[in-house]
Amino acid sequence: MNKFDEEKTINNTEKDLRLISGIIKRNGRKILKNYPITSPQFIALQWVTDREKLTIGELSNKIGLAFSTTTDLVDRMEKNGLVERIRDTEDRRVVRIVPLDKGKSVIKEVISKRQEYLGEVMSNLSDDEKDTISKSLNLLLLEMRKLNERD
């Protein structure tokens, strides 16, 4: 592939991923309207559920929000019964955030609805096309993770 074609492919891929991300976010917001949670809270709750026992500082870094903003987010999630703060057993000064059953349930239900939507979107694709998309996205994700590890 020559330099021009490679640039064109990269530009098209970036644009497609950006547009796909936007559509997924918009659809996700529609789904979240049926739950007692905002989009930023959902993102935070995903991190807390995936990587249990994060501190507010760790969560703040993961979601890219200021520490004080993350603290407010966790306060609201705790008030809604989605998470709770617990003291670290090894260092009592450290406070960790853990998902409660209600929070885990919200994540499970919303992710399931997102997957249903994606299944509907992909319903007219062949099994080979679906497999190619999945493998290509996974390869792209792996390469991005490798590059980010070097930073």
C-alpha atoms as a PDB file:
ATOM      1  CA  MET A   1       0.000   0.000   0.000  1.00  0.00           C
ATOM      2  CA  ASN A   2       1.449   3.373  -0.950  1.00  0.00           C
ATOM      3  CA  LYS A   3       1.645   6.303   1.466  1.00  0.00           C
ATOM      4  CA  PHE A   4      -1.413   8.057  -0.027  1.00  0.00           C
ATOM      5  CA  ASP A   5      -3.607   4.947   0.195  1.00  0.00           C
ATOM      6  CA  GLU A   6      -2.398   4.233   3.728  1.00  0.00           C
ATOM      7  CA  GLU A   7      -3.262   7.784   4.839  1.00  0.00           C
ATOM      8  CA  LYS A   8      -6.673   7.534   3.214  1.00  0.00           C
ATOM      9  CA  THR A   9      -7.345   4.213   4.967  1.00  0.00           C
ATOM     10  CA  ILE A  10      -6.266   5.632   8.334  1.00  0.00           C
ATOM     11  CA  ASN A  11      -8.400   8.748   7.853  1.00  0.00           C
ATOM     12  CA  ASN A  12     -11.451   6.691   6.863  1.00  0.00           C
ATOM     13  CA  THR A  13     -10.956   4.286   9.766  1.00  0.00           C
ATOM     14  CA  GLU A  14     -10.667   7.129  12.288  1.00  0.00           C
ATOM     15  CA  LYS A  15     -13.792   8.776  10.907  1.00  0.00           C
ATOM     16  CA  ASP A  16     -15.773   5.530  10.904  1.00  0.00           C
ATOM     17  CA  LEU A  17     -14.735   4.728  14.483  1.00  0.00           C
ATOM     18  CA  ARG A  18     -15.654   8.262  15.602  1.00  0.00           C
ATOM     19  CA  LEU A  19     -19.071   8.034  13.949  1.00  0.00           C
ATOM     20  CA  ILE A  20     -19.697   4.530  15.342  1.00  0.00           C
ATOM     21  CA  SER A  21     -18.710   5.735  18.818  1.00  0.00           C
ATOM     22  CA  GLY A  22     -21.129   8.661  18.541  1.00  0.00           C
ATOM     23  CA  ILE A  23     -24.004   6.407  17.490  1.00  0.00           C
ATOM     24  CA  ILE A  24     -23.284   3.984  20.317  1.00  0.00           C
ATOM     25  CA  LYS A  25     -23.157   6.844  22.846  1.00  0.00           C
ATOM     26  CA  ARG A  26     -26.465   8.294  21.625  1.00  0.00           C
ATOM     27  CA  ASN A  27     -28.130   4.883  21.741  1.00  0.00           C
ATOM     28  CA  GLY A  28     -26.600   4.282  25.171  1.00  0.00           C
ATOM     29  CA  ARG A  29     -28.074   7.536  26.480  1.00  0.00           C
ATOM     30  CA  LYS A  30     -31.525   6.430  25.279  1.00  0.00           C
ATOM     31  CA  ILE A  31     -31.130   3.143  27.160  1.00  0.00           C
ATOM     32  CA  LEU A  32     -29.938   4.938  30.312  1.00  0.00           C
ATOM     33  CA  LYS A  33     -33.098   7.053  30.441  1.00  0.00           C
ATOM     34  CA  ASN A  34     -34.801   3.998  31.938  1.00  0.00           C
ATOM     35  CA  TYR A  35     -32.286   3.780  34.796  1.00  0.00           C
ATOM     36  CA  PRO A  36     -31.412   5.985  37.792  1.00  0.00           C
ATOM     37  CA  ILE A  37     -27.976   6.799  36.395  1.00  0.00           C
ATOM     38  CA  THR A  38     -26.317   9.384  34.159  1.00  0.00           C
ATOM     39  CA  SER A  39     -23.861   8.640  31.354  1.00  0.00           C
ATOM     40  CA  PRO A  40     -20.793   9.691  33.403  1.00  0.00           C
ATOM     41  CA  GLN A  41     -22.038   7.584  36.329  1.00  0.00           C
ATOM     42  CA  PHE A  42     -22.512   4.623  34.002  1.00  0.00           C
ATOM     43  CA  ILE A  43     -18.950   4.949  32.704  1.00  0.00           C
ATOM     44  CA  ALA A  44     -17.642   5.132  36.269  1.00  0.00           C
ATOM     45  CA  LEU A  45     -19.807   2.208  37.339  1.00  0.00           C
ATOM     46  CA  GLN A  46     -18.444   0.119  34.463  1.00  0.00           C
ATOM     47  CA  TRP A  47     -14.889   0.733  35.698  1.00  0.00           C
ATOM     48  CA  VAL A  48     -15.861  -0.008  39.293  1.00  0.00           C
ATOM     49  CA  THR A  49     -17.605  -3.220  38.246  1.00  0.00           C
ATOM     50  CA  ASP A  50     -14.816  -4.375  35.913  1.00  0.00           C
ATOM     51  CA  ARG A  51     -12.008  -3.549  38.326  1.00  0.00           C
ATOM     52  CA  GLU A  52     -13.486  -3.888  41.773  1.00  0.00           C
ATOM     53  CA  LYS A  53     -12.067  -1.945  44.669  1.00  0.00           C
ATOM     54  CA  LEU A  54     -10.705   1.097  42.843  1.00  0.00           C
ATOM     55  CA  THR A  55      -9.880   4.170  44.863  1.00  0.00           C
ATOM     56  CA  ILE A  56     -11.443   7.489  43.854  1.00  0.00           C
ATOM     57  CA  GLY A  57      -8.017   8.596  42.550  1.00  0.00           C
ATOM     58  CA  GLU A  58      -7.699   5.469  40.387  1.00  0.00           C
ATOM     59  CA  LEU A  59     -11.249   5.876  39.110  1.00  0.00           C
ATOM     60  CA  SER A  60     -10.600   9.557  38.407  1.00  0.00           C
ATOM     61  CA  ASN A  61      -7.620   8.596  36.220  1.00  0.00           C
ATOM     62  CA  LYS A  62      -9.589   5.900  34.385  1.00  0.00           C
ATOM     63  CA  ILE A  63     -12.518   8.164  33.474  1.00  0.00           C
ATOM     64  CA  GLY A  64     -10.460  11.315  32.926  1.00  0.00           C
ATOM     65  CA  LEU A  65     -12.320  13.531  35.385  1.00  0.00           C
ATOM     66  CA  ALA A  66     -11.008  15.714  38.185  1.00  0.00           C
ATOM     67  CA  PHE A  67     -10.772  14.096  41.608  1.00  0.00           C
ATOM     68  CA  SER A  68     -13.463  16.399  43.029  1.00  0.00           C
ATOM     69  CA  THR A  69     -15.828  15.657  40.127  1.00  0.00           C
ATOM     70  CA  THR A  70     -15.270  11.922  40.574  1.00  0.00           C
ATOM     71  CA  THR A  71     -15.948  12.258  44.290  1.00  0.00           C
ATOM     72  CA  ASP A  72     -19.294  13.952  43.522  1.00  0.00           C
ATOM     73  CA  LEU A  73     -20.089  11.208  41.005  1.00  0.00           C
ATOM     74  CA  VAL A  74     -19.373   8.484  43.571  1.00  0.00           C
ATOM     75  CA  ASP A  75     -21.424  10.367  46.192  1.00  0.00           C
ATOM     76  CA  ARG A  76     -24.459  10.312  43.887  1.00  0.00           C
ATOM     77  CA  MET A  77     -23.936   6.653  42.957  1.00  0.00           C
ATOM     78  CA  GLU A  78     -23.608   5.752  46.635  1.00  0.00           C
ATOM     79  CA  LYS A  79     -26.810   7.690  47.429  1.00  0.00           C
ATOM     80  CA  ASN A  80     -28.614   5.702  44.676  1.00  0.00           C
ATOM     81  CA  GLY A  81     -27.414   2.384  46.120  1.00  0.00           C
ATOM     82  CA  LEU A  82     -25.161   1.531  43.178  1.00  0.00           C
ATOM     83  CA  VAL A  83     -21.799   1.499  44.998  1.00  0.00           C
ATOM     84  CA  GLU A  84     -20.378   1.771  48.472  1.00  0.00           C
ATOM     85  CA  ARG A  85     -17.120   2.971  49.926  1.00  0.00           C
ATOM     86  CA  ILE A  86     -15.159   0.515  52.037  1.00  0.00           C
ATOM     87  CA  ARG A  87     -11.934   0.894  53.976  1.00  0.00           C
ATOM     88  CA  ASP A  88      -8.985  -1.075  52.645  1.00  0.00           C
ATOM     89  CA  THR A  89      -8.232  -4.008  54.943  1.00  0.00           C
ATOM     90  CA  GLU A  90      -4.477  -3.491  54.670  1.00  0.00           C
ATOM     91  CA  ASP A  91      -4.371   0.305  54.904  1.00  0.00           C
ATOM     92  CA  ARG A  92      -7.318   1.890  56.714  1.00  0.00           C
ATOM     93  CA  ARG A  93      -6.480   5.311  55.221  1.00  0.00           C
ATOM     94  CA  VAL A  94      -7.381   3.989  51.756  1.00  0.00           C
ATOM     95  CA  VAL A  95     -11.047   4.002  50.740  1.00  0.00           C
ATOM     96  CA  ARG A  96     -12.144   1.768  47.899  1.00  0.00           C
ATOM     97  CA  ILE A  97     -15.317   1.811  45.819  1.00  0.00           C
ATOM     98  CA  VAL A  98     -17.190  -1.441  45.325  1.00  0.00           C
ATOM     99  CA  PRO A  99     -20.302  -2.074  43.253  1.00  0.00           C
ATOM    100  CA  LEU A 100     -23.457  -3.159  45.033  1.00  0.00           C
ATOM    101  CA  ASP A 101     -25.904  -5.682  43.576  1.00  0.00           C
ATOM    102  CA  LYS A 102     -28.095  -2.875  42.203  1.00  0.00           C
ATOM    103  CA  GLY A 103     -25.080  -1.365  40.405  1.00  0.00           C
ATOM    104  CA  LYS A 104     -24.037  -4.725  38.968  1.00  0.00           C
ATOM    105  CA  SER A 105     -27.603  -5.313  37.820  1.00  0.00           C
ATOM    106  CA  VAL A 106     -27.770  -1.938  36.039  1.00  0.00           C
ATOM    107  CA  ILE A 107     -24.490  -2.645  34.238  1.00  0.00           C
ATOM    108  CA  LYS A 108     -25.634  -6.133  33.222  1.00  0.00           C
ATOM    109  CA  GLU A 109     -29.016  -4.917  31.924  1.00  0.00           C
ATOM    110  CA  VAL A 110     -27.646  -1.907  30.021  1.00  0.00           C
ATOM    111  CA  ILE A 111     -24.817  -3.912  28.438  1.00  0.00           C
ATOM    112  CA  SER A 112     -27.343  -6.575  27.441  1.00  0.00           C
ATOM    113  CA  LYS A 113     -29.522  -3.939  25.747  1.00  0.00           C
ATOM    114  CA  ARG A 114     -26.463  -2.489  23.988  1.00  0.00           C
ATOM    115  CA  GLN A 115     -25.576  -5.960  22.736  1.00  0.00           C
ATOM    116  CA  GLU A 116     -29.144  -6.496  21.519  1.00  0.00           C
ATOM    117  CA  TYR A 117     -28.879  -3.229  19.593  1.00  0.00           C
ATOM    118  CA  LEU A 118     -25.567  -4.267  18.052  1.00  0.00           C
ATOM    119  CA  GLY A 119     -27.046  -7.656  17.173  1.00  0.00           C
ATOM    120  CA  GLU A 120     -29.897  -5.886  15.412  1.00  0.00           C
ATOM    121  CA  VAL A 121     -27.473  -3.635  13.541  1.00  0.00           C
ATOM    122  CA  MET A 122     -25.406  -6.628  12.441  1.00  0.00           C
ATOM    123  CA  SER A 123     -28.362  -8.900  11.643  1.00  0.00           C
ATOM    124  CA  ASN A 124     -28.031  -8.429   7.879  1.00  0.00           C
ATOM    125  CA  LEU A 125     -24.321  -9.278   7.856  1.00  0.00           C
ATOM    126  CA  SER A 126     -23.019 -12.736   7.065  1.00  0.00           C
ATOM    127  CA  ASP A 127     -21.318 -14.781   9.765  1.00  0.00           C
ATOM    128  CA  ASP A 128     -17.991 -14.215   7.982  1.00  0.00           C
ATOM    129  CA  GLU A 129     -18.536 -10.438   7.968  1.00  0.00           C
ATOM    130  CA  LYS A 130     -19.413 -10.447  11.667  1.00  0.00           C
ATOM    131  CA  ASP A 131     -16.337 -12.542  12.423  1.00  0.00           C
ATOM    132  CA  THR A 132     -14.107 -10.254  10.339  1.00  0.00           C
ATOM    133  CA  ILE A 133     -15.393  -7.144  12.128  1.00  0.00           C
ATOM    134  CA  SER A 134     -14.891  -8.758  15.534  1.00  0.00           C
ATOM    135  CA  LYS A 135     -11.371  -9.984  14.763  1.00  0.00           C
ATOM    136  CA  SER A 136     -10.347  -6.674  13.152  1.00  0.00           C
ATOM    137  CA  LEU A 137     -11.606  -4.591  16.071  1.00  0.00           C
ATOM    138  CA  ASN A 138      -9.905  -6.928  18.531  1.00  0.00           C
ATOM    139  CA  LEU A 139      -6.626  -6.637  16.613  1.00  0.00           C
ATOM    140  CA  LEU A 140      -6.935  -2.840  16.583  1.00  0.00           C
ATOM    141  CA  LEU A 141      -7.612  -2.832  20.328  1.00  0.00           C
ATOM    142  CA  LEU A 142      -4.564  -5.022  21.003  1.00  0.00           C
ATOM    143  CA  GLU A 143      -2.321  -2.733  18.945  1.00  0.00           C
ATOM    144  CA  MET A 144      -3.664   0.350  20.740  1.00  0.00           C
ATOM    145  CA  ARG A 145      -2.998  -1.263  24.113  1.00  0.00           C
ATOM    146  CA  LYS A 146       0.579  -2.116  23.068  1.00  0.00           C
ATOM    147  CA  LEU A 147       1.189   1.474  21.979  1.00  0.00           C
ATOM    148  CA  ASN A 148      -0.347   2.873  25.183  1.00  0.00           C
ATOM    149  CA  GLU A 149       1.837   0.616  27.329  1.00  0.00           C
ATOM    150  CA  ARG A 150       4.903   2.339  25.876  1.00  0.00           C
ATOM    151  CA  ASP A 151       3.646   5.809  26.880  1.00  0.00           C
END
